[in-house]
């Protein structure tokens, strides 16, 4: 059975009133809270607005929040990162930069990804300049529509970083999935 609670916060001065209205956000399901829909807004008038009853039992003006429990969510959200999108991004990277390797690592490579996980990708290639400048250039020339953590390393850095215990390089080389190279 669905439960409904309306919380009213009063004590705000009455706003200048041109005409009665009620500004509401549409109900939204929070992805991490099963079955919880939240609606909030500013009630400016009682005309046509949902009831906002304070502790005194009288209709009141002010901010309100409505929380409704619709029961458990029945659908699983679509993953933000798809295999097709990863492969398309890898093909664009290879066409633009001809890297030595492109390695997927992290939760996606381990098979432990949630629907909202990002893609962690390590690109191994020779380049001039700073790492961050190259990453920005790659993101500009190869845009993606999914959350991406992109790292770029020079081939000569990889062995030194692995021996030095760099956790990212170790994770990528030990448990990563080679997408190219």
C-alpha atoms as a PDB file:
ATOM      1  CA  UNK A   1       0.000   0.000   0.000  1.00  0.00           C
ATOM      2  CA  UNK A   2       1.365   3.399  -0.959  1.00  0.00           C
ATOM      3  CA  UNK A   3       1.963   5.835   1.885  1.00  0.00           C
ATOM      4  CA  UNK A   4       2.006   9.591   1.528  1.00  0.00           C
ATOM      5  CA  UNK A   5       3.475  12.243   3.782  1.00  0.00           C
ATOM      6  CA  UNK A   6       3.444  15.975   3.200  1.00  0.00           C
ATOM      7  CA  UNK A   7       5.904  18.094   5.128  1.00  0.00           C
ATOM      8  CA  UNK A   8       5.142  21.819   5.312  1.00  0.00           C
ATOM      9  CA  UNK A   9       7.589  24.483   6.346  1.00  0.00           C
ATOM     10  CA  UNK A  10       5.935  27.777   7.229  1.00  0.00           C
ATOM     11  CA  UNK A  11       6.927  31.118   8.624  1.00  0.00           C
ATOM     12  CA  UNK A  12       7.932  32.620   5.299  1.00  0.00           C
ATOM     13  CA  UNK A  13       6.499  36.045   4.413  1.00  0.00           C
ATOM     14  CA  UNK A  14       3.705  35.980   1.858  1.00  0.00           C
ATOM     15  CA  UNK A  15       5.162  36.573  -1.619  1.00  0.00           C
ATOM     16  CA  UNK A  16       3.813  39.364  -3.803  1.00  0.00           C
ATOM     17  CA  UNK A  17       0.767  37.867  -5.429  1.00  0.00           C
ATOM     18  CA  UNK A  18      -0.053  38.545  -9.067  1.00  0.00           C
ATOM     19  CA  UNK A  19      -2.264  35.496  -9.374  1.00  0.00           C
ATOM     20  CA  UNK A  20      -2.578  32.233  -7.449  1.00  0.00           C
ATOM     21  CA  UNK A  21      -0.176  29.525  -8.557  1.00  0.00           C
ATOM     22  CA  UNK A  22       1.744  26.537  -7.331  1.00  0.00           C
ATOM     23  CA  UNK A  23       5.208  25.723  -8.687  1.00  0.00           C
ATOM     24  CA  UNK A  24       5.910  21.998  -8.478  1.00  0.00           C
ATOM     25  CA  UNK A  25       8.590  19.737  -9.719  1.00  0.00           C
ATOM     26  CA  UNK A  26       7.311  16.515 -11.299  1.00  0.00           C
ATOM     27  CA  UNK A  27       7.648  13.384  -9.164  1.00  0.00           C
ATOM     28  CA  UNK A  28      10.989  11.622  -9.672  1.00  0.00           C
ATOM     29  CA  UNK A  29      12.232   8.224  -8.612  1.00  0.00           C
ATOM     30  CA  UNK A  30      15.519   8.316  -6.796  1.00  0.00           C
ATOM     31  CA  UNK A  31      17.703   5.581  -8.383  1.00  0.00           C
ATOM     32  CA  UNK A  32      19.259   4.435  -5.117  1.00  0.00           C
ATOM     33  CA  UNK A  33      16.077   4.326  -3.027  1.00  0.00           C
ATOM     34  CA  UNK A  34      13.697   1.618  -4.124  1.00  0.00           C
ATOM     35  CA  UNK A  35      10.223   2.942  -4.786  1.00  0.00           C
ATOM     36  CA  UNK A  36      10.708   6.444  -3.389  1.00  0.00           C
ATOM     37  CA  UNK A  37       9.183   9.261  -5.413  1.00  0.00           C
ATOM     38  CA  UNK A  38       9.827  12.844  -4.312  1.00  0.00           C
ATOM     39  CA  UNK A  39       7.998  15.996  -5.305  1.00  0.00           C
ATOM     40  CA  UNK A  40       8.927  19.408  -3.986  1.00  0.00           C
ATOM     41  CA  UNK A  41       8.138  23.013  -4.710  1.00  0.00           C
ATOM     42  CA  UNK A  42       6.900  26.354  -3.439  1.00  0.00           C
ATOM     43  CA  UNK A  43       3.205  26.693  -2.685  1.00  0.00           C
ATOM     44  CA  UNK A  44       2.130  30.279  -3.323  1.00  0.00           C
ATOM     45  CA  UNK A  45      -1.635  29.909  -2.949  1.00  0.00           C
ATOM     46  CA  UNK A  46      -4.255  27.436  -1.814  1.00  0.00           C
ATOM     47  CA  UNK A  47      -6.272  27.722  -5.042  1.00  0.00           C
ATOM     48  CA  UNK A  48      -5.757  24.532  -7.001  1.00  0.00           C
ATOM     49  CA  UNK A  49      -2.675  23.614  -5.006  1.00  0.00           C
ATOM     50  CA  UNK A  50      -2.302  20.339  -3.138  1.00  0.00           C
ATOM     51  CA  UNK A  51      -3.216  20.550   0.547  1.00  0.00           C
ATOM     52  CA  UNK A  52      -0.462  21.835   2.817  1.00  0.00           C
ATOM     53  CA  UNK A  53      -1.592  21.324   6.380  1.00  0.00           C
ATOM     54  CA  UNK A  54       0.654  22.320   9.272  1.00  0.00           C
ATOM     55  CA  UNK A  55       0.619  21.062  12.853  1.00  0.00           C
ATOM     56  CA  UNK A  56      -2.294  23.392  13.674  1.00  0.00           C
ATOM     57  CA  UNK A  57      -4.485  21.652  11.099  1.00  0.00           C
ATOM     58  CA  UNK A  58      -4.867  24.810   8.987  1.00  0.00           C
ATOM     59  CA  UNK A  59      -3.823  25.225   5.392  1.00  0.00           C
ATOM     60  CA  UNK A  60      -0.506  27.078   5.272  1.00  0.00           C
ATOM     61  CA  UNK A  61       1.740  28.709   2.696  1.00  0.00           C
ATOM     62  CA  UNK A  62       5.423  27.959   2.359  1.00  0.00           C
ATOM     63  CA  UNK A  63       7.842  25.380   1.094  1.00  0.00           C
ATOM     64  CA  UNK A  64       6.667  21.806   1.044  1.00  0.00           C
ATOM     65  CA  UNK A  65       7.949  18.390   0.132  1.00  0.00           C
ATOM     66  CA  UNK A  66       5.792  15.400  -0.678  1.00  0.00           C
ATOM     67  CA  UNK A  67       7.207  11.899  -0.252  1.00  0.00           C
ATOM     68  CA  UNK A  68       5.325   8.928  -1.625  1.00  0.00           C
ATOM     69  CA  UNK A  69       6.308   5.272  -1.390  1.00  0.00           C
ATOM     70  CA  UNK A  70       5.162   3.469  -4.543  1.00  0.00           C
ATOM     71  CA  UNK A  71       6.684   0.148  -3.553  1.00  0.00           C
ATOM     72  CA  UNK A  72       9.756  -1.523  -5.012  1.00  0.00           C
ATOM     73  CA  UNK A  73      11.086  -0.455  -8.401  1.00  0.00           C
ATOM     74  CA  UNK A  74      10.340  -3.092 -10.986  1.00  0.00           C
ATOM     75  CA  UNK A  75      12.777  -2.080 -13.717  1.00  0.00           C
ATOM     76  CA  UNK A  76      16.549  -2.092 -13.782  1.00  0.00           C
ATOM     77  CA  UNK A  77      18.025   1.132 -15.178  1.00  0.00           C
ATOM     78  CA  UNK A  78      19.809   0.895 -18.518  1.00  0.00           C
ATOM     79  CA  UNK A  79      23.610   0.878 -18.094  1.00  0.00           C
ATOM     80  CA  UNK A  80      25.239   4.220 -18.915  1.00  0.00           C
ATOM     81  CA  UNK A  81      28.164   2.498 -20.668  1.00  0.00           C
ATOM     82  CA  UNK A  82      27.381  -0.052 -23.378  1.00  0.00           C
ATOM     83  CA  UNK A  83      29.785  -2.413 -25.133  1.00  0.00           C
ATOM     84  CA  UNK A  84      28.902  -0.868 -28.501  1.00  0.00           C
ATOM     85  CA  UNK A  85      29.716   2.643 -27.259  1.00  0.00           C
ATOM     86  CA  UNK A  86      33.054   1.442 -25.843  1.00  0.00           C
ATOM     87  CA  UNK A  87      34.034  -0.222 -29.112  1.00  0.00           C
ATOM     88  CA  UNK A  88      32.985   2.821 -31.162  1.00  0.00           C
ATOM     89  CA  UNK A  89      35.078   5.086 -28.916  1.00  0.00           C
ATOM     90  CA  UNK A  90      38.054   2.708 -29.230  1.00  0.00           C
ATOM     91  CA  UNK A  91      37.769   2.755 -33.036  1.00  0.00           C
ATOM     92  CA  UNK A  92      37.748   6.589 -33.053  1.00  0.00           C
ATOM     93  CA  UNK A  93      40.806   6.655 -30.777  1.00  0.00           C
ATOM     94  CA  UNK A  94      42.677   4.228 -33.014  1.00  0.00           C
ATOM     95  CA  UNK A  95      41.756   6.187 -36.154  1.00  0.00           C
ATOM     96  CA  UNK A  96      42.844   9.534 -34.661  1.00  0.00           C
ATOM     97  CA  UNK A  97      45.904   8.543 -32.608  1.00  0.00           C
ATOM     98  CA  UNK A  98      47.112   5.028 -33.529  1.00  0.00           C
ATOM     99  CA  UNK A  99      47.921   4.110 -29.906  1.00  0.00           C
ATOM    100  CA  UNK A 100      49.939   1.053 -28.967  1.00  0.00           C
ATOM    101  CA  UNK A 101      47.255  -0.156 -26.549  1.00  0.00           C
ATOM    102  CA  UNK A 102      43.811   0.759 -25.275  1.00  0.00           C
ATOM    103  CA  UNK A 103      42.964  -0.985 -21.998  1.00  0.00           C
ATOM    104  CA  UNK A 104      39.635  -1.068 -20.192  1.00  0.00           C
ATOM    105  CA  UNK A 105      40.097  -1.491 -16.451  1.00  0.00           C
ATOM    106  CA  UNK A 106      38.126  -1.044 -13.248  1.00  0.00           C
ATOM    107  CA  UNK A 107      34.660  -2.369 -12.472  1.00  0.00           C
ATOM    108  CA  UNK A 108      33.629  -2.811 -16.133  1.00  0.00           C
ATOM    109  CA  UNK A 109      36.675  -4.992 -16.871  1.00  0.00           C
ATOM    110  CA  UNK A 110      36.168  -7.021 -13.680  1.00  0.00           C
ATOM    111  CA  UNK A 111      32.493  -7.623 -14.469  1.00  0.00           C
ATOM    112  CA  UNK A 112      31.377  -5.788 -11.319  1.00  0.00           C
ATOM    113  CA  UNK A 113      29.906  -2.687 -12.939  1.00  0.00           C
ATOM    114  CA  UNK A 114      26.662  -1.156 -11.744  1.00  0.00           C
ATOM    115  CA  UNK A 115      24.261   0.627 -14.095  1.00  0.00           C
ATOM    116  CA  UNK A 116      25.865   3.992 -13.222  1.00  0.00           C
ATOM    117  CA  UNK A 117      29.538   2.913 -13.445  1.00  0.00           C
ATOM    118  CA  UNK A 118      31.938   4.858 -15.616  1.00  0.00           C
ATOM    119  CA  UNK A 119      34.422   3.436 -18.106  1.00  0.00           C
ATOM    120  CA  UNK A 120      38.076   3.545 -16.999  1.00  0.00           C
ATOM    121  CA  UNK A 121      40.332   3.521 -20.062  1.00  0.00           C
ATOM    122  CA  UNK A 122      44.121   3.635 -20.223  1.00  0.00           C
ATOM    123  CA  UNK A 123      45.657   4.635 -23.555  1.00  0.00           C
ATOM    124  CA  UNK A 124      49.330   3.756 -24.075  1.00  0.00           C
ATOM    125  CA  UNK A 125      50.961   5.835 -26.824  1.00  0.00           C
ATOM    126  CA  UNK A 126      53.910   8.110 -27.474  1.00  0.00           C
ATOM    127  CA  UNK A 127      53.061  11.812 -27.276  1.00  0.00           C
ATOM    128  CA  UNK A 128      54.625  15.196 -26.575  1.00  0.00           C
ATOM    129  CA  UNK A 129      53.589  17.532 -23.804  1.00  0.00           C
ATOM    130  CA  UNK A 130      51.643  17.060 -20.623  1.00  0.00           C
ATOM    131  CA  UNK A 131      49.285  14.177 -19.847  1.00  0.00           C
ATOM    132  CA  UNK A 132      46.316  16.410 -19.049  1.00  0.00           C
ATOM    133  CA  UNK A 133      46.672  18.398 -22.270  1.00  0.00           C
ATOM    134  CA  UNK A 134      46.664  15.168 -24.303  1.00  0.00           C
ATOM    135  CA  UNK A 135      43.608  13.852 -22.422  1.00  0.00           C
ATOM    136  CA  UNK A 136      41.715  17.094 -23.101  1.00  0.00           C
ATOM    137  CA  UNK A 137      42.639  16.911 -26.779  1.00  0.00           C
ATOM    138  CA  UNK A 138      41.496  13.270 -27.001  1.00  0.00           C
ATOM    139  CA  UNK A 139      38.176  14.047 -25.324  1.00  0.00           C
ATOM    140  CA  UNK A 140      37.620  16.963 -27.708  1.00  0.00           C
ATOM    141  CA  UNK A 141      38.406  14.949 -30.861  1.00  0.00           C
ATOM    142  CA  UNK A 142      36.734  11.711 -29.716  1.00  0.00           C
ATOM    143  CA  UNK A 143      33.650  12.803 -27.752  1.00  0.00           C
ATOM    144  CA  UNK A 144      31.574  10.247 -25.853  1.00  0.00           C
ATOM    145  CA  UNK A 145      28.043  10.125 -24.472  1.00  0.00           C
ATOM    146  CA  UNK A 146      28.904   8.053 -21.400  1.00  0.00           C
ATOM    147  CA  UNK A 147      30.884   8.678 -18.193  1.00  0.00           C
ATOM    148  CA  UNK A 148      34.559   8.174 -18.937  1.00  0.00           C
ATOM    149  CA  UNK A 149      37.757   8.291 -16.885  1.00  0.00           C
ATOM    150  CA  UNK A 150      40.475   8.556 -19.549  1.00  0.00           C
ATOM    151  CA  UNK A 151      44.174   8.201 -18.779  1.00  0.00           C
ATOM    152  CA  UNK A 152      47.104   8.367 -21.173  1.00  0.00           C
ATOM    153  CA  UNK A 153      50.619   7.090 -20.523  1.00  0.00           C
ATOM    154  CA  UNK A 154      53.781   6.892 -22.626  1.00  0.00           C
ATOM    155  CA  UNK A 155      55.100   3.364 -23.349  1.00  0.00           C
ATOM    156  CA  UNK A 156      58.400   4.102 -21.587  1.00  0.00           C
ATOM    157  CA  UNK A 157      56.494   5.137 -18.418  1.00  0.00           C
ATOM    158  CA  UNK A 158      54.517   1.922 -18.093  1.00  0.00           C
ATOM    159  CA  UNK A 159      57.274  -0.398 -16.784  1.00  0.00           C
ATOM    160  CA  UNK A 160      58.612   2.198 -14.368  1.00  0.00           C
ATOM    161  CA  UNK A 161      55.112   2.948 -13.015  1.00  0.00           C
ATOM    162  CA  UNK A 162      54.284  -0.770 -12.696  1.00  0.00           C
ATOM    163  CA  UNK A 163      57.514  -1.464 -10.752  1.00  0.00           C
ATOM    164  CA  UNK A 164      56.883   1.624  -8.642  1.00  0.00           C
ATOM    165  CA  UNK A 165      53.500   0.257  -7.563  1.00  0.00           C
ATOM    166  CA  UNK A 166      51.214   2.685  -9.435  1.00  0.00           C
ATOM    167  CA  UNK A 167      47.780   1.223  -8.552  1.00  0.00           C
ATOM    168  CA  UNK A 168      46.130   2.377 -11.784  1.00  0.00           C
ATOM    169  CA  UNK A 169      48.797   0.883 -14.045  1.00  0.00           C
ATOM    170  CA  UNK A 170      48.867  -2.330 -11.996  1.00  0.00           C
ATOM    171  CA  UNK A 171      45.060  -2.665 -12.118  1.00  0.00           C
ATOM    172  CA  UNK A 172      45.025  -2.050 -15.876  1.00  0.00           C
ATOM    173  CA  UNK A 173      47.847  -4.469 -16.700  1.00  0.00           C
ATOM    174  CA  UNK A 174      46.916  -7.203 -14.213  1.00  0.00           C
ATOM    175  CA  UNK A 175      43.121  -7.187 -14.503  1.00  0.00           C
ATOM    176  CA  UNK A 176      42.276  -5.005 -17.497  1.00  0.00           C
ATOM    177  CA  UNK A 177      40.782  -5.967 -20.822  1.00  0.00           C
ATOM    178  CA  UNK A 178      42.772  -4.984 -23.908  1.00  0.00           C
ATOM    179  CA  UNK A 179      40.391  -3.307 -26.356  1.00  0.00           C
ATOM    180  CA  UNK A 180      43.144  -2.611 -28.885  1.00  0.00           C
ATOM    181  CA  UNK A 181      46.818  -3.572 -29.290  1.00  0.00           C
END
